Protein backbone atom coordinates (compact mmCIF):
# COMPACT_ATOMS: atom_id res chain seq x y z
CA ALA A 1 -23.50 -7.19 14.68
CA ASN A 2 -20.30 -7.87 12.86
CA PRO A 3 -18.44 -4.40 12.54
CA TYR A 4 -16.86 -5.69 9.51
CA GLY A 5 -19.95 -6.29 7.34
CA GLN A 6 -20.07 -3.24 5.32
CA LEU A 7 -16.43 -4.05 3.84
CA ARG A 8 -16.99 -7.94 3.80
CA HIS A 9 -20.14 -7.68 1.27
CA LEU A 10 -18.05 -5.69 -0.78
CA HIS A 11 -15.95 -8.95 -1.77
CA VAL A 12 -16.10 -11.29 -4.79
CA ALA A 13 -19.40 -12.59 -5.04
CA ASP A 14 -18.38 -16.37 -4.93
CA GLY A 15 -16.71 -15.99 -1.41
CA THR A 16 -13.11 -16.17 -2.82
CA LYS A 17 -10.72 -15.32 -0.05
CA PHE A 18 -7.11 -13.95 -0.15
CA ARG A 19 -5.00 -17.04 0.69
CA PRO A 20 -1.37 -16.04 1.51
CA ARG A 21 1.03 -17.54 -0.95
CA PRO A 22 5.02 -18.72 -0.23
CA PHE A 23 7.33 -15.86 0.40
CA PHE A 24 8.37 -15.02 -3.24
CA ALA A 25 11.15 -12.33 -3.84
CA LEU A 26 14.21 -11.46 -6.54
CA ALA A 27 17.69 -11.96 -5.23
CA GLY A 28 17.69 -9.86 -2.15
CA GLY A 29 14.21 -9.43 -1.68
CA LYS A 30 13.12 -9.11 1.89
CA VAL A 31 10.07 -8.38 4.33
CA VAL A 32 11.31 -6.22 7.63
CA TRP A 33 10.11 -4.39 10.30
CA GLU A 34 10.39 -0.52 9.78
CA SER A 35 12.80 -0.83 12.69
CA GLU A 36 15.14 -2.92 10.85
CA LEU A 37 15.66 -0.52 8.04
CA THR A 38 19.38 1.08 8.18
CA VAL A 39 20.02 4.79 7.09
CA ALA A 40 21.57 3.32 3.89
CA ASP A 41 18.01 1.55 3.39
CA HIS A 42 16.14 4.36 3.70
CA ALA A 43 18.37 6.59 1.24
CA GLN A 44 17.99 3.80 -1.26
CA LEU A 45 14.17 3.97 -0.94
CA ALA A 46 14.19 7.72 -0.79
CA GLU A 47 15.84 7.62 -4.21
CA PHE A 48 13.60 4.93 -5.44
CA PHE A 49 10.43 6.96 -4.57
CA ARG A 50 11.95 10.18 -6.14
CA THR A 51 12.20 8.72 -9.11
CA LEU A 52 8.58 6.71 -9.29
CA TYR A 53 6.70 9.71 -7.77
CA GLY A 54 9.07 12.69 -8.67
CA PRO A 55 6.40 13.84 -11.49
CA THR A 56 3.20 13.63 -9.19
CA ILE A 57 4.59 15.33 -6.25
CA SER A 58 4.10 19.13 -5.49
CA SER A 59 6.99 21.22 -4.44
CA ARG A 60 4.91 22.04 -1.27
CA ASN A 61 5.06 18.43 -0.05
CA LYS A 62 8.44 17.61 -0.58
CA LEU A 63 7.87 14.30 0.00
CA PHE A 64 10.99 11.67 -0.21
CA ASP A 65 13.51 14.59 0.74
CA GLY A 66 16.96 13.53 1.56
CA HIS A 67 16.73 9.94 3.27
CA ARG A 68 12.90 10.37 3.88
CA SER A 69 11.45 7.20 2.61
CA TRP A 70 7.72 7.51 3.68
CA ALA A 71 4.95 9.81 2.83
CA LYS A 72 2.59 10.14 5.90
CA ALA A 73 2.45 7.45 8.20
CA ARG A 74 5.49 5.05 8.33
CA PRO A 75 4.67 1.66 7.59
CA GLU A 76 5.12 -0.96 10.31
CA PHE A 77 6.23 -3.81 7.87
CA ARG A 78 7.68 -3.17 4.22
CA ALA A 79 8.15 -6.13 1.10
CA ILE A 80 11.13 -4.50 -0.71
CA GLY A 81 12.23 -6.41 -3.96
CA TYR A 82 15.75 -5.76 -5.39
CA ASP A 83 17.74 -6.66 -8.72
CA ALA A 84 21.26 -5.82 -10.05
CA ASN A 85 20.16 -2.39 -10.39
CA GLY A 86 18.76 -1.73 -6.70
CA VAL A 87 15.17 -1.38 -5.47
CA VAL A 88 12.36 -2.97 -7.89
CA ALA A 89 9.51 -3.01 -5.74
CA HIS A 90 8.30 -1.99 -2.83
CA MET A 91 5.22 -2.08 -0.66
CA GLY A 92 4.43 -0.69 2.98
CA LEU A 93 1.81 -1.89 5.46
CA LEU A 94 0.47 -0.27 8.57
CA ARG A 95 -2.29 -1.31 10.89
CA ARG A 96 -4.88 1.20 11.55
CA PHE A 97 -8.50 2.08 12.11
CA ILE A 98 -10.46 3.54 9.06
CA LYS A 99 -14.21 4.86 8.87
CA VAL A 100 -16.64 3.64 6.44
CA GLY A 101 -19.68 5.47 7.32
CA GLU A 102 -20.17 5.84 10.69
CA VAL A 103 -18.53 2.24 11.41
CA GLU A 104 -14.68 2.37 12.51
CA MET A 105 -12.91 -0.95 11.67
CA LEU A 106 -8.91 -2.18 11.92
CA VAL A 107 -7.72 -3.00 8.75
CA ALA A 108 -3.95 -3.50 7.35
CA GLU A 109 -3.59 -0.48 5.17
CA LEU A 110 -1.15 -0.99 2.18
CA GLY A 111 0.71 1.87 0.81
CA LEU A 112 3.94 3.38 -0.90
CA TYR A 113 3.12 0.76 -3.54
CA GLY A 114 5.78 0.96 -6.40
CA VAL A 115 7.22 -0.99 -9.26
CA ARG A 116 10.31 0.04 -11.47
CA GLN A 117 8.99 1.21 -14.71
CA ASP A 118 11.48 -1.53 -16.38
CA SER A 119 9.85 -4.24 -14.13
CA GLU A 120 6.23 -3.37 -14.29
CA ARG A 121 5.43 -7.19 -15.22
CA LEU A 122 6.10 -7.81 -11.46
CA GLY A 123 2.67 -5.98 -10.39
CA ILE A 124 1.11 -6.02 -7.39
CA THR A 125 1.06 -9.89 -7.32
CA TYR A 126 4.71 -9.87 -6.52
CA SER A 127 4.54 -7.43 -3.46
CA MET A 128 1.41 -9.25 -2.10
CA ARG A 129 3.34 -12.51 -2.07
CA ALA A 130 6.02 -10.90 -0.15
CA ILE A 131 3.79 -9.15 2.34
CA ALA A 132 1.86 -12.23 2.81
CA SER A 133 4.38 -13.72 4.98
CA VAL A 134 3.51 -11.43 7.96
CA LEU A 135 -0.09 -11.43 7.57
CA ASP A 136 -0.84 -13.89 10.00
CA LYS A 137 1.00 -12.17 12.42
CA LEU A 138 -1.34 -9.05 12.32
CA LYS A 139 -4.69 -10.45 13.27
CA VAL A 140 -6.49 -8.08 10.87
CA PRO A 141 -9.64 -9.18 8.87
CA PHE A 142 -9.04 -7.02 5.83
CA ILE A 143 -6.28 -5.44 3.79
CA PHE A 144 -7.13 -2.08 2.56
CA GLY A 145 -5.49 -0.03 -0.06
CA ALA A 146 -6.20 3.36 -1.65
CA VAL A 147 -4.06 4.17 -5.04
CA ARG A 148 -3.75 7.03 -7.31
CA PRO A 149 -6.19 6.52 -10.48
CA GLN A 150 -3.05 6.27 -12.64
CA MET A 151 -2.48 2.85 -10.61
CA ARG A 152 -5.72 1.79 -11.87
CA ASN A 153 -4.36 -0.86 -14.32
CA HIS A 154 -2.17 -2.56 -11.60
CA VAL A 155 -4.86 -3.06 -9.48
CA GLU A 156 -7.43 -4.10 -11.72
CA ARG A 157 -5.14 -6.79 -12.96
CA PHE A 158 -4.49 -8.05 -9.63
CA CYS A 159 -8.24 -7.94 -8.58
CA ARG A 160 -9.25 -10.13 -11.60
CA SER A 161 -7.78 -12.89 -10.24
CA GLY A 162 -10.74 -12.82 -7.58
CA PHE A 163 -8.48 -12.19 -4.67
CA GLY A 164 -10.61 -8.86 -3.83
CA THR A 165 -12.55 -6.09 -5.01
CA MET A 166 -11.66 -2.82 -6.77
CA PHE A 167 -13.64 0.33 -6.38
CA PRO A 168 -12.18 2.83 -9.23
CA ALA A 169 -13.69 6.22 -8.02
CA VAL A 170 -13.95 6.68 -4.14
CA PRO A 171 -13.75 9.99 -2.18
CA VAL A 172 -11.19 9.14 0.56
CA ARG A 173 -10.45 11.68 3.38
CA SER A 174 -7.20 11.93 5.05
CA THR A 175 -5.03 13.99 7.00
CA GLN A 176 -2.29 16.53 5.13
CA PRO A 177 1.18 15.14 5.32
CA ASP A 178 2.16 18.09 7.23
CA VAL A 179 0.24 21.25 8.73
CA TYR A 180 -0.02 24.19 6.36
CA PRO A 181 -1.29 27.51 7.68
CA ASP A 182 -3.15 28.24 4.42
CA LEU A 183 -4.77 24.79 4.16
CA PRO A 184 -7.37 22.75 6.06
CA PRO A 185 -5.94 19.52 8.01
CA THR A 186 -7.85 17.16 5.57
CA ARG A 187 -7.97 16.91 2.17
CA THR A 188 -10.43 14.63 -0.07
CA ASP A 189 -9.08 12.61 -3.09
CA GLU A 190 -10.71 10.52 -5.50
CA MET A 191 -8.95 7.32 -5.11
CA VAL A 192 -8.80 3.68 -6.45
CA VAL A 193 -9.73 1.45 -3.59
CA TRP A 194 -9.33 -2.20 -3.33
CA VAL A 195 -10.34 -4.33 -0.36
CA LEU A 196 -8.97 -8.00 0.50
CA PRO A 197 -10.30 -10.49 3.34
CA VAL A 198 -7.80 -12.05 5.08
CA GLU A 199 -9.84 -14.26 7.64
């Protein structure tokens, strides 16, 4: 039996699959391994995320403090878009196993998605075109993303093109970003989930 069947049936009914498009970037845009980023890169990205996510970050988490440019697990790859004013868009990618029901499966999880407010016209399509240049190297059957409900409109616009399927209210259990003596080690959030087939 195909262990990915539980996800595969979620995709668009006509069988449309995600087809990586040629790399597209603003001036200075790049797709890099995490190990290729400099301290200056991390500092610039941390400032970008603090500005973007600041109102939604609790004081307990202290995400993106200093030069920290990741929230939980660090990505393997990042697609970063730049313009004359600095970082304009970002998406991180990490291979990991997730559990759907009782089935464990390998996916490329997308996270740390963000577009600067004055450039939201770029949307997810911009970041996906950039990250597509590394998908063949990862040898994973699915791209999986889970974002806050506030990001629903971005995901909805992207999935409307037929690349994948969006699920607007899915309970997702994940580990806390740190160990807190007064909290359980995991948390469950209602997330907007989107799934895109690669193979």
